[in-house]
């Protein structure tokens, strides 16, 4: 599945499994599927968009130019250890920077052009 995301945060990690000595690594990240950041009144009474949290392959950190930013992401679905389906980002490509501005700021920027 391919879709755009707003990547909010990314950081590499490397940890050693003390029991096996195996080195586990990856990139922990937070992102939005709601790329237009439209205000949301959800059916459960909550407001807004909760960021998703995931882990990327370690080598993908070199493709992350900035955050927050818009990325084209390729997801794969796997089965987690609890037997539930899990979407995992397998690749991504930088599209553009993003910035959250108020409608007033946006109007002023458009008027200035």
PDB file of N, CA and C in Angstrom:
ATOM      1  N   UNK A   1       0.852  -1.176   0.000  1.00  0.00           N
ATOM      2  CA  UNK A   1       0.000   0.000   0.000  1.00  0.00           C
ATOM      3  C   UNK A   1       0.892   1.232   0.000  1.00  0.00           C
ATOM      4  N   UNK A   2       0.614   2.167  -0.901  1.00  0.00           N
ATOM      5  CA  UNK A   2       1.354   3.422  -0.967  1.00  0.00           C
ATOM      6  C   UNK A   2       0.439   4.553  -0.546  1.00  0.00           C
ATOM      7  N   UNK A   3       0.944   5.446   0.286  1.00  0.00           N
ATOM      8  CA  UNK A   3       0.176   6.607   0.722  1.00  0.00           C
ATOM      9  C   UNK A   3       1.129   7.686   1.215  1.00  0.00           C
ATOM     10  N   UNK A   4       0.631   8.913   1.278  1.00  0.00           N
ATOM     11  CA  UNK A   4       1.445   9.991   1.818  1.00  0.00           C
ATOM     12  C   UNK A   4       1.229  10.089   3.322  1.00  0.00           C
ATOM     13  N   UNK A   5       2.297  10.470   4.015  1.00  0.00           N
ATOM     14  CA  UNK A   5       2.253  10.684   5.455  1.00  0.00           C
ATOM     15  C   UNK A   5       2.988  11.979   5.775  1.00  0.00           C
ATOM     16  N   UNK A   6       2.696  12.533   6.928  1.00  0.00           N
ATOM     17  CA  UNK A   6       3.524  13.599   7.474  1.00  0.00           C
ATOM     18  C   UNK A   6       4.369  12.953   8.563  1.00  0.00           C
ATOM     19  N   UNK A   7       5.662  12.868   8.318  1.00  0.00           N
ATOM     20  CA  UNK A   7       6.585  12.316   9.295  1.00  0.00           C
ATOM     21  C   UNK A   7       6.898  13.406  10.305  1.00  0.00           C
ATOM     22  N   UNK A   8       6.578  13.161  11.557  1.00  0.00           N
ATOM     23  CA  UNK A   8       6.764  14.149  12.613  1.00  0.00           C
ATOM     24  C   UNK A   8       8.106  14.017  13.306  1.00  0.00           C
ATOM     25  N   UNK A   9       8.579  12.774  13.453  1.00  0.00           N
ATOM     26  CA  UNK A   9       9.767  12.509  14.271  1.00  0.00           C
ATOM     27  C   UNK A   9      10.391  11.198  13.825  1.00  0.00           C
ATOM     28  N   UNK A  10      11.716  11.143  13.845  1.00  0.00           N
ATOM     29  CA  UNK A  10      12.411   9.888  13.547  1.00  0.00           C
ATOM     30  C   UNK A  10      13.748   9.873  14.276  1.00  0.00           C
ATOM     31  N   UNK A  11      14.106   8.721  14.852  1.00  0.00           N
ATOM     32  CA  UNK A  11      15.385   8.568  15.533  1.00  0.00           C
ATOM     33  C   UNK A  11      15.840   7.114  15.439  1.00  0.00           C
ATOM     34  N   UNK A  12      17.111   6.921  15.115  1.00  0.00           N
ATOM     35  CA  UNK A  12      17.664   5.573  15.048  1.00  0.00           C
ATOM     36  C   UNK A  12      17.878   5.020  16.458  1.00  0.00           C
ATOM     37  N   UNK A  13      17.816   3.697  16.554  1.00  0.00           N
ATOM     38  CA  UNK A  13      18.152   3.037  17.815  1.00  0.00           C
ATOM     39  C   UNK A  13      18.922   1.758  17.529  1.00  0.00           C
ATOM     40  N   UNK A  14      19.771   1.387  18.476  1.00  0.00           N
ATOM     41  CA  UNK A  14      20.473   0.106  18.465  1.00  0.00           C
ATOM     42  C   UNK A  14      20.501  -0.389  19.901  1.00  0.00           C
ATOM     43  N   UNK A  15      19.970  -1.570  20.121  1.00  0.00           N
ATOM     44  CA  UNK A  15      19.987  -2.156  21.454  1.00  0.00           C
ATOM     45  C   UNK A  15      20.498  -3.587  21.368  1.00  0.00           C
ATOM     46  N   UNK A  16      21.147  -4.012  22.431  1.00  0.00           N
ATOM     47  CA  UNK A  16      21.665  -5.368  22.489  1.00  0.00           C
ATOM     48  C   UNK A  16      20.745  -6.198  23.374  1.00  0.00           C
ATOM     49  N   UNK A  17      20.268  -7.300  22.836  1.00  0.00           N
ATOM     50  CA  UNK A  17      19.460  -8.236  23.610  1.00  0.00           C
ATOM     51  C   UNK A  17      20.406  -8.935  24.580  1.00  0.00           C
ATOM     52  N   UNK A  18      20.235  -8.674  25.868  1.00  0.00           N
ATOM     53  CA  UNK A  18      21.153  -9.205  26.870  1.00  0.00           C
ATOM     54  C   UNK A  18      21.124 -10.728  26.942  1.00  0.00           C
ATOM     55  N   UNK A  19      20.010 -11.330  26.621  1.00  0.00           N
ATOM     56  CA  UNK A  19      19.901 -12.786  26.691  1.00  0.00           C
ATOM     57  C   UNK A  19      20.634 -13.463  25.533  1.00  0.00           C
ATOM     58  N   UNK A  20      20.518 -12.888  24.326  1.00  0.00           N
ATOM     59  CA  UNK A  20      21.094 -13.536  23.144  1.00  0.00           C
ATOM     60  C   UNK A  20      22.337 -12.836  22.607  1.00  0.00           C
ATOM     61  N   UNK A  21      22.544 -11.569  22.994  1.00  0.00           N
ATOM     62  CA  UNK A  21      23.650 -10.786  22.459  1.00  0.00           C
ATOM     63  C   UNK A  21      23.363 -10.217  21.085  1.00  0.00           C
ATOM     64  N   UNK A  22      22.186 -10.497  20.562  1.00  0.00           N
ATOM     65  CA  UNK A  22      21.801 -10.011  19.238  1.00  0.00           C
ATOM     66  C   UNK A  22      21.591  -8.503  19.275  1.00  0.00           C
ATOM     67  N   UNK A  23      22.097  -7.816  18.249  1.00  0.00           N
ATOM     68  CA  UNK A  23      21.903  -6.370  18.133  1.00  0.00           C
ATOM     69  C   UNK A  23      20.634  -6.133  17.328  1.00  0.00           C
ATOM     70  N   UNK A  24      19.704  -5.404  17.932  1.00  0.00           N
ATOM     71  CA  UNK A  24      18.467  -5.037  17.239  1.00  0.00           C
ATOM     72  C   UNK A  24      18.531  -3.548  16.959  1.00  0.00           C
ATOM     73  N   UNK A  25      18.176  -3.183  15.724  1.00  0.00           N
ATOM     74  CA  UNK A  25      18.214  -1.773  15.387  1.00  0.00           C
ATOM     75  C   UNK A  25      17.040  -1.412  14.496  1.00  0.00           C
ATOM     76  N   UNK A  26      16.813  -0.129  14.384  1.00  0.00           N
ATOM     77  CA  UNK A  26      15.725   0.375  13.562  1.00  0.00           C
ATOM     78  C   UNK A  26      15.610   1.870  13.729  1.00  0.00           C
ATOM     79  N   UNK A  27      14.517   2.407  13.256  1.00  0.00           N
ATOM     80  CA  UNK A  27      14.211   3.831  13.392  1.00  0.00           C
ATOM     81  C   UNK A  27      12.816   3.925  13.991  1.00  0.00           C
ATOM     82  N   UNK A  28      12.709   4.525  15.157  1.00  0.00           N
ATOM     83  CA  UNK A  28      11.393   4.767  15.731  1.00  0.00           C
ATOM     84  C   UNK A  28      10.856   6.062  15.132  1.00  0.00           C
ATOM     85  N   UNK A  29       9.552   6.100  14.833  1.00  0.00           N
ATOM     86  CA  UNK A  29       9.003   7.289  14.187  1.00  0.00           C
ATOM     87  C   UNK A  29       7.556   7.528  14.606  1.00  0.00           C
ATOM     88  N   UNK A  30       7.141   8.771  14.429  1.00  0.00           N
ATOM     89  CA  UNK A  30       5.751   9.172  14.625  1.00  0.00           C
ATOM     90  C   UNK A  30       5.310   9.893  13.364  1.00  0.00           C
ATOM     91  N   UNK A  31       4.066   9.631  12.941  1.00  0.00           N
ATOM     92  CA  UNK A  31       3.601  10.218  11.695  1.00  0.00           C
ATOM     93  C   UNK A  31       2.083  10.336  11.695  1.00  0.00           C
ATOM     94  N   UNK A  32       1.598  11.185  10.777  1.00  0.00           N
ATOM     95  CA  UNK A  32       0.164  11.361  10.541  1.00  0.00           C
ATOM     96  C   UNK A  32      -0.207  10.763   9.193  1.00  0.00           C
ATOM     97  N   UNK A  33      -1.344  10.088   9.146  1.00  0.00           N
ATOM     98  CA  UNK A  33      -1.961   9.722   7.871  1.00  0.00           C
ATOM     99  C   UNK A  33      -2.767  10.901   7.338  1.00  0.00           C
ATOM    100  N   UNK A  34      -3.305  11.740   8.226  1.00  0.00           N
ATOM    101  CA  UNK A  34      -4.134  12.897   7.884  1.00  0.00           C
ATOM    102  C   UNK A  34      -3.222  14.015   7.373  1.00  0.00           C
ATOM    103  N   UNK A  35      -2.819  13.945   6.092  1.00  0.00           N
ATOM    104  CA  UNK A  35      -1.817  14.871   5.580  1.00  0.00           C
ATOM    105  C   UNK A  35      -2.339  16.289   5.355  1.00  0.00           C
ATOM    106  N   UNK A  36      -3.645  16.476   5.304  1.00  0.00           N
ATOM    107  CA  UNK A  36      -4.150  17.840   5.151  1.00  0.00           C
ATOM    108  C   UNK A  36      -4.358  18.521   6.506  1.00  0.00           C
ATOM    109  N   UNK A  37      -4.173  17.783   7.575  1.00  0.00           N
ATOM    110  CA  UNK A  37      -4.306  18.288   8.950  1.00  0.00           C
ATOM    111  C   UNK A  37      -5.613  19.027   9.188  1.00  0.00           C
ATOM    112  N   UNK A  38      -6.670  18.570   8.526  1.00  0.00           N
ATOM    113  CA  UNK A  38      -7.993  19.148   8.749  1.00  0.00           C
ATOM    114  C   UNK A  38      -8.441  18.829  10.170  1.00  0.00           C
ATOM    115  N   UNK A  39      -9.106  19.784  10.794  1.00  0.00           N
ATOM    116  CA  UNK A  39      -9.637  19.563  12.137  1.00  0.00           C
ATOM    117  C   UNK A  39     -10.629  18.408  12.084  1.00  0.00           C
ATOM    118  N   UNK A  40     -10.571  17.542  13.077  1.00  0.00           N
ATOM    119  CA  UNK A  40     -11.440  16.370  13.085  1.00  0.00           C
ATOM    120  C   UNK A  40     -12.230  16.286  14.382  1.00  0.00           C
ATOM    121  N   UNK A  41     -13.536  16.117  14.246  1.00  0.00           N
ATOM    122  CA  UNK A  41     -14.412  15.773  15.360  1.00  0.00           C
ATOM    123  C   UNK A  41     -14.765  14.311  15.164  1.00  0.00           C
ATOM    124  N   UNK A  42     -14.167  13.466  15.958  1.00  0.00           N
ATOM    125  CA  UNK A  42     -14.332  12.025  15.777  1.00  0.00           C
ATOM    126  C   UNK A  42     -15.608  11.517  16.427  1.00  0.00           C
ATOM    127  N   UNK A  43     -16.106  10.386  15.938  1.00  0.00           N
ATOM    128  CA  UNK A  43     -17.370   9.829  16.421  1.00  0.00           C
ATOM    129  C   UNK A  43     -17.311   9.440  17.892  1.00  0.00           C
ATOM    130  N   UNK A  44     -16.114   9.210  18.422  1.00  0.00           N
ATOM    131  CA  UNK A  44     -16.005   8.840  19.840  1.00  0.00           C
ATOM    132  C   UNK A  44     -15.908  10.055  20.756  1.00  0.00           C
ATOM    133  N   UNK A  45     -16.044  11.268  20.189  1.00  0.00           N
ATOM    134  CA  UNK A  45     -16.005  12.487  20.986  1.00  0.00           C
ATOM    135  C   UNK A  45     -14.619  13.111  21.083  1.00  0.00           C
ATOM    136  N   UNK A  46     -13.590  12.425  20.586  1.00  0.00           N
ATOM    137  CA  UNK A  46     -12.244  12.996  20.627  1.00  0.00           C
ATOM    138  C   UNK A  46     -12.086  14.039  19.524  1.00  0.00           C
ATOM    139  N   UNK A  47     -11.064  14.844  19.651  1.00  0.00           N
ATOM    140  CA  UNK A  47     -10.774  15.905  18.682  1.00  0.00           C
ATOM    141  C   UNK A  47      -9.378  15.703  18.121  1.00  0.00           C
ATOM    142  N   UNK A  48      -9.225  15.949  16.832  1.00  0.00           N
ATOM    143  CA  UNK A  48      -7.908  15.948  16.225  1.00  0.00           C
ATOM    144  C   UNK A  48      -7.450  14.593  15.732  1.00  0.00           C
ATOM    145  N   UNK A  49      -6.171  14.540  15.402  1.00  0.00           N
ATOM    146  CA  UNK A  49      -5.548  13.355  14.845  1.00  0.00           C
ATOM    147  C   UNK A  49      -4.433  12.878  15.755  1.00  0.00           C
ATOM    148  N   UNK A  50      -4.497  11.637  16.156  1.00  0.00           N
ATOM    149  CA  UNK A  50      -3.438  11.065  16.983  1.00  0.00           C
ATOM    150  C   UNK A  50      -2.338  10.537  16.067  1.00  0.00           C
ATOM    151  N   UNK A  51      -1.071  10.880  16.353  1.00  0.00           N
ATOM    152  CA  UNK A  51       0.000  10.356  15.507  1.00  0.00           C
ATOM    153  C   UNK A  51       0.149   8.846  15.660  1.00  0.00           C
ATOM    154  N   UNK A  52       0.469   8.190  14.557  1.00  0.00           N
ATOM    155  CA  UNK A  52       0.799   6.769  14.598  1.00  0.00           C
ATOM    156  C   UNK A  52       2.256   6.650  15.011  1.00  0.00           C
ATOM    157  N   UNK A  53       2.603   5.522  15.618  1.00  0.00           N
ATOM    158  CA  UNK A  53       3.981   5.254  16.005  1.00  0.00           C
ATOM    159  C   UNK A  53       4.413   3.978  15.316  1.00  0.00           C
ATOM    160  N   UNK A  54       5.632   3.979  14.801  1.00  0.00           N
ATOM    161  CA  UNK A  54       6.095   2.789  14.120  1.00  0.00           C
ATOM    162  C   UNK A  54       7.599   2.655  14.186  1.00  0.00           C
ATOM    163  N   UNK A  55       8.073   1.611  13.553  1.00  0.00           N
ATOM    164  CA  UNK A  55       9.496   1.348  13.458  1.00  0.00           C
ATOM    165  C   UNK A  55       9.837   1.096  11.997  1.00  0.00           C
ATOM    166  N   UNK A  56      10.892   1.735  11.529  1.00  0.00           N
ATOM    167  CA  UNK A  56      11.353   1.599  10.153  1.00  0.00           C
ATOM    168  C   UNK A  56      12.643   0.794  10.138  1.00  0.00           C
ATOM    169  N   UNK A  57      12.987   0.226   8.984  1.00  0.00           N
ATOM    170  CA  UNK A  57      14.305  -0.385   8.859  1.00  0.00           C
ATOM    171  C   UNK A  57      15.409   0.661   9.113  1.00  0.00           C
ATOM    172  N   UNK A  58      16.465   0.262   9.772  1.00  0.00           N
ATOM    173  CA  UNK A  58      17.559   1.138  10.202  1.00  0.00           C
ATOM    174  C   UNK A  58      18.123   1.977   9.059  1.00  0.00           C
ATOM    175  N   UNK A  59      18.283   1.366   7.890  1.00  0.00           N
ATOM    176  CA  UNK A  59      18.918   2.050   6.765  1.00  0.00           C
ATOM    177  C   UNK A  59      18.049   3.155   6.162  1.00  0.00           C
ATOM    178  N   UNK A  60      16.762   3.201   6.494  1.00  0.00           N
ATOM    179  CA  UNK A  60      15.888   4.250   5.940  1.00  0.00           C
ATOM    180  C   UNK A  60      16.167   5.628   6.525  1.00  0.00           C
ATOM    181  N   UNK A  61      16.893   5.698   7.640  1.00  0.00           N
ATOM    182  CA  UNK A  61      17.189   7.002   8.242  1.00  0.00           C
ATOM    183  C   UNK A  61      17.907   7.904   7.237  1.00  0.00           C
ATOM    184  N   UNK A  62      18.717   7.330   6.353  1.00  0.00           N
ATOM    185  CA  UNK A  62      19.441   8.147   5.366  1.00  0.00           C
ATOM    186  C   UNK A  62      18.497   8.810   4.366  1.00  0.00           C
ATOM    187  N   UNK A  63      17.265   8.312   4.224  1.00  0.00           N
ATOM    188  CA  UNK A  63      16.292   8.903   3.303  1.00  0.00           C
ATOM    189  C   UNK A  63      15.442   9.989   3.968  1.00  0.00           C
ATOM    190  N   UNK A  64      15.574  10.118   5.275  1.00  0.00           N
ATOM    191  CA  UNK A  64      14.791  11.119   6.008  1.00  0.00           C
ATOM    192  C   UNK A  64      15.574  12.417   6.008  1.00  0.00           C
ATOM    193  N   UNK A  65      15.102  13.382   5.218  1.00  0.00           N
ATOM    194  CA  UNK A  65      15.808  14.652   5.068  1.00  0.00           C
ATOM    195  C   UNK A  65      15.428  15.650   6.146  1.00  0.00           C
ATOM    196  N   UNK A  66      14.140  15.674   6.483  1.00  0.00           N
ATOM    197  CA  UNK A  66      13.635  16.632   7.462  1.00  0.00           C
ATOM    198  C   UNK A  66      12.401  16.065   8.123  1.00  0.00           C
ATOM    199  N   UNK A  67      12.072  16.631   9.272  1.00  0.00           N
ATOM    200  CA  UNK A  67      10.805  16.325   9.934  1.00  0.00           C
ATOM    201  C   UNK A  67      10.430  17.549  10.767  1.00  0.00           C
ATOM    202  N   UNK A  68       9.201  17.971  10.752  1.00  0.00           N
ATOM    203  CA  UNK A  68       8.094  17.371  10.021  1.00  0.00           C
ATOM    204  C   UNK A  68       8.208  17.635   8.528  1.00  0.00           C
ATOM    205  N   UNK A  69       7.765  16.659   7.761  1.00  0.00           N
ATOM    206  CA  UNK A  69       7.796  16.773   6.306  1.00  0.00           C
ATOM    207  C   UNK A  69       6.832  15.755   5.700  1.00  0.00           C
ATOM    208  N   UNK A  70       6.466  16.020   4.451  1.00  0.00           N
ATOM    209  CA  UNK A  70       5.587  15.135   3.707  1.00  0.00           C
ATOM    210  C   UNK A  70       6.431  14.087   2.987  1.00  0.00           C
ATOM    211  N   UNK A  71       6.026  12.822   3.107  1.00  0.00           N
ATOM    212  CA  UNK A  71       6.740  11.712   2.472  1.00  0.00           C
ATOM    213  C   UNK A  71       5.747  10.807   1.756  1.00  0.00           C
ATOM    214  N   UNK A  72       6.191  10.231   0.643  1.00  0.00           N
ATOM    215  CA  UNK A  72       5.483   9.109   0.030  1.00  0.00           C
ATOM    216  C   UNK A  72       5.979   7.867   0.748  1.00  0.00           C
ATOM    217  N   UNK A  73       5.075   7.103   1.333  1.00  0.00           N
ATOM    218  CA  UNK A  73       5.461   5.926   2.112  1.00  0.00           C
ATOM    219  C   UNK A  73       4.871   4.663   1.504  1.00  0.00           C
ATOM    220  N   UNK A  74       5.651   3.592   1.541  1.00  0.00           N
ATOM    221  CA  UNK A  74       5.186   2.277   1.111  1.00  0.00           C
ATOM    222  C   UNK A  74       5.074   1.401   2.351  1.00  0.00           C
ATOM    223  N   UNK A  75       3.861   0.925   2.571  1.00  0.00           N
ATOM    224  CA  UNK A  75       3.564   0.090   3.740  1.00  0.00           C
ATOM    225  C   UNK A  75       3.395  -1.360   3.327  1.00  0.00           C
ATOM    226  N   UNK A  76       3.731  -2.254   4.234  1.00  0.00           N
ATOM    227  CA  UNK A  76       3.406  -3.669   4.099  1.00  0.00           C
ATOM    228  C   UNK A  76       2.644  -4.085   5.349  1.00  0.00           C
ATOM    229  N   UNK A  77       1.771  -5.043   5.182  1.00  0.00           N
ATOM    230  CA  UNK A  77       1.020  -5.544   6.321  1.00  0.00           C
ATOM    231  C   UNK A  77       1.619  -6.878   6.756  1.00  0.00           C
ATOM    232  N   UNK A  78       1.891  -6.976   8.041  1.00  0.00           N
ATOM    233  CA  UNK A  78       2.409  -8.200   8.640  1.00  0.00           C
ATOM    234  C   UNK A  78       1.511  -8.583   9.805  1.00  0.00           C
ATOM    235  N   UNK A  79       1.735  -9.741  10.355  1.00  0.00           N
ATOM    236  CA  UNK A  79       1.024 -10.173  11.557  1.00  0.00           C
ATOM    237  C   UNK A  79       1.956  -9.981  12.737  1.00  0.00           C
ATOM    238  N   UNK A  80       1.480  -9.233  13.739  1.00  0.00           N
ATOM    239  CA  UNK A  80       2.279  -8.983  14.930  1.00  0.00           C
ATOM    240  C   UNK A  80       2.341 -10.200  15.838  1.00  0.00           C
ATOM    241  N   UNK A  81       3.156 -10.093  16.879  1.00  0.00           N
ATOM    242  CA  UNK A  81       3.321 -11.207  17.814  1.00  0.00           C
ATOM    243  C   UNK A  81       2.017 -11.546  18.539  1.00  0.00           C
ATOM    244  N   UNK A  82       1.089 -10.584  18.575  1.00  0.00           N
ATOM    245  CA  UNK A  82      -0.203 -10.825  19.222  1.00  0.00           C
ATOM    246  C   UNK A  82      -1.245 -11.367  18.240  1.00  0.00           C
ATOM    247  N   UNK A  83      -0.824 -11.621  16.987  1.00  0.00           N
ATOM    248  CA  UNK A  83      -1.735 -12.172  15.986  1.00  0.00           C
ATOM    249  C   UNK A  83      -2.565 -11.129  15.260  1.00  0.00           C
ATOM    250  N   UNK A  84      -2.368  -9.845  15.576  1.00  0.00           N
ATOM    251  CA  UNK A  84      -3.131  -8.779  14.933  1.00  0.00           C
ATOM    252  C   UNK A  84      -2.349  -8.220  13.746  1.00  0.00           C
ATOM    253  N   UNK A  85      -3.066  -7.726  12.723  1.00  0.00           N
ATOM    254  CA  UNK A  85      -2.371  -7.141  11.578  1.00  0.00           C
ATOM    255  C   UNK A  85      -1.671  -5.836  11.966  1.00  0.00           C
ATOM    256  N   UNK A  86      -0.492  -5.625  11.384  1.00  0.00           N
ATOM    257  CA  UNK A  86       0.308  -4.443  11.668  1.00  0.00           C
ATOM    258  C   UNK A  86       0.787  -3.857  10.346  1.00  0.00           C
ATOM    259  N   UNK A  87       0.555  -2.542  10.145  1.00  0.00           N
ATOM    260  CA  UNK A  87       1.111  -1.844   8.984  1.00  0.00           C
ATOM    261  C   UNK A  87       2.512  -1.375   9.338  1.00  0.00           C
ATOM    262  N   UNK A  88       3.459  -1.629   8.446  1.00  0.00           N
ATOM    263  CA  UNK A  88       4.833  -1.220   8.696  1.00  0.00           C
ATOM    264  C   UNK A  88       5.357  -0.490   7.471  1.00  0.00           C
ATOM    265  N   UNK A  89       5.998   0.664   7.706  1.00  0.00           N
ATOM    266  CA  UNK A  89       6.616   1.418   6.614  1.00  0.00           C
ATOM    267  C   UNK A  89       7.868   0.667   6.169  1.00  0.00           C
ATOM    268  N   UNK A  90       7.931   0.362   4.879  1.00  0.00           N
ATOM    269  CA  UNK A  90       9.076  -0.358   4.328  1.00  0.00           C
ATOM    270  C   UNK A  90       9.998   0.545   3.506  1.00  0.00           C
ATOM    271  N   UNK A  91       9.440   1.662   3.010  1.00  0.00           N
ATOM    272  CA  UNK A  91      10.243   2.605   2.242  1.00  0.00           C
ATOM    273  C   UNK A  91       9.546   3.952   2.271  1.00  0.00           C
ATOM    274  N   UNK A  92      10.314   5.014   2.068  1.00  0.00           N
ATOM    275  CA  UNK A  92       9.717   6.339   1.974  1.00  0.00           C
ATOM    276  C   UNK A  92      10.596   7.253   1.153  1.00  0.00           C
ATOM    277  N   UNK A  93       9.951   8.265   0.586  1.00  0.00           N
ATOM    278  CA  UNK A  93      10.640   9.263  -0.226  1.00  0.00           C
ATOM    279  C   UNK A  93      10.151  10.645   0.172  1.00  0.00           C
ATOM    280  N   UNK A  94      11.098  11.548   0.376  1.00  0.00           N
ATOM    281  CA  UNK A  94      10.801  12.929   0.744  1.00  0.00           C
ATOM    282  C   UNK A  94      10.035  13.611  -0.381  1.00  0.00           C
ATOM    283  N   UNK A  95       8.969  14.340  -0.020  1.00  0.00           N
ATOM    284  CA  UNK A  95       8.188  15.100  -1.001  1.00  0.00           C
ATOM    285  C   UNK A  95       8.415  16.589  -0.799  1.00  0.00           C
ATOM    286  N   UNK A  96       8.186  17.084   0.438  1.00  0.00           N
ATOM    287  CA  UNK A  96       8.309  18.513   0.694  1.00  0.00           C
ATOM    288  C   UNK A  96       8.257  18.764   2.192  1.00  0.00           C
ATOM    289  N   UNK A  97       8.742  19.920   2.586  1.00  0.00           N
ATOM    290  CA  UNK A  97       8.617  20.334   3.983  1.00  0.00           C
ATOM    291  C   UNK A  97       7.172  20.725   4.268  1.00  0.00           C
ATOM    292  N   UNK A  98       6.784  20.654   5.520  1.00  0.00           N
ATOM    293  CA  UNK A  98       5.466  21.127   5.936  1.00  0.00           C
ATOM    294  C   UNK A  98       5.635  22.069   7.121  1.00  0.00           C
ATOM    295  N   UNK A  99       4.661  22.941   7.267  1.00  0.00           N
ATOM    296  CA  UNK A  99       4.655  23.870   8.389  1.00  0.00           C
ATOM    297  C   UNK A  99       3.209  24.116   8.772  1.00  0.00           C
ATOM    298  N   UNK A 100       2.916  24.045  10.031  1.00  0.00           N
ATOM    299  CA  UNK A 100       1.564  24.335  10.501  1.00  0.00           C
ATOM    300  C   UNK A 100       1.457  25.840  10.717  1.00  0.00           C
ATOM    301  N   UNK A 101       0.485  26.444  10.045  1.00  0.00           N
ATOM    302  CA  UNK A 101       0.241  27.881  10.205  1.00  0.00           C
ATOM    303  C   UNK A 101      -1.240  28.099  10.462  1.00  0.00           C
ATOM    304  N   UNK A 102      -1.564  29.225  11.058  1.00  0.00           N
ATOM    305  CA  UNK A 102      -2.963  29.566  11.280  1.00  0.00           C
ATOM    306  C   UNK A 102      -3.579  30.023   9.955  1.00  0.00           C
ATOM    307  N   UNK A 103      -4.902  30.017   9.887  1.00  0.00           N
ATOM    308  CA  UNK A 103      -5.571  30.518   8.688  1.00  0.00           C
ATOM    309  C   UNK A 103      -5.241  31.991   8.470  1.00  0.00           C
ATOM    310  N   UNK A 104      -5.079  32.737   9.553  1.00  0.00           N
ATOM    311  CA  UNK A 104      -4.725  34.149   9.434  1.00  0.00           C
ATOM    312  C   UNK A 104      -3.348  34.308   8.766  1.00  0.00           C
ATOM    313  N   UNK A 105      -2.365  33.507   9.218  1.00  0.00           N
ATOM    314  CA  UNK A 105      -1.034  33.555   8.605  1.00  0.00           C
ATOM    315  C   UNK A 105      -1.089  33.142   7.140  1.00  0.00           C
ATOM    316  N   UNK A 106      -1.892  32.149   6.836  1.00  0.00           N
ATOM    317  CA  UNK A 106      -2.016  31.684   5.464  1.00  0.00           C
ATOM    318  C   UNK A 106      -2.611  32.773   4.582  1.00  0.00           C
ATOM    319  N   UNK A 107      -3.632  33.446   5.086  1.00  0.00           N
ATOM    320  CA  UNK A 107      -4.238  34.548   4.328  1.00  0.00           C
ATOM    321  C   UNK A 107      -3.256  35.672   4.089  1.00  0.00           C
ATOM    322  N   UNK A 108      -2.456  36.009   5.094  1.00  0.00           N
ATOM    323  CA  UNK A 108      -1.455  37.075   4.937  1.00  0.00           C
ATOM    324  C   UNK A 108      -0.407  36.684   3.917  1.00  0.00           C
ATOM    325  N   UNK A 109      -0.002  35.419   3.907  1.00  0.00           N
ATOM    326  CA  UNK A 109       1.004  34.963   2.944  1.00  0.00           C
ATOM    327  C   UNK A 109       0.449  35.023   1.522  1.00  0.00           C
ATOM    328  N   UNK A 110      -0.831  34.687   1.347  1.00  0.00           N
ATOM    329  CA  UNK A 110      -1.445  34.730   0.020  1.00  0.00           C
ATOM    330  C   UNK A 110      -1.605  36.168  -0.455  1.00  0.00           C
ATOM    331  N   UNK A 111      -1.952  37.077   0.469  1.00  0.00           N
ATOM    332  CA  UNK A 111      -2.110  38.482   0.116  1.00  0.00           C
ATOM    333  C   UNK A 111      -0.787  39.098  -0.282  1.00  0.00           C
ATOM    334  N   UNK A 112       0.301  38.661   0.338  1.00  0.00           N
ATOM    335  CA  UNK A 112       1.627  39.215   0.058  1.00  0.00           C
ATOM    336  C   UNK A 112       2.097  38.834  -1.350  1.00  0.00           C
ATOM    337  N   UNK A 113       1.575  37.742  -1.890  1.00  0.00           N
ATOM    338  CA  UNK A 113       1.979  37.318  -3.242  1.00  0.00           C
ATOM    339  C   UNK A 113       1.232  38.154  -4.219  1.00  0.00           C
TER     340      UNK A 113
END
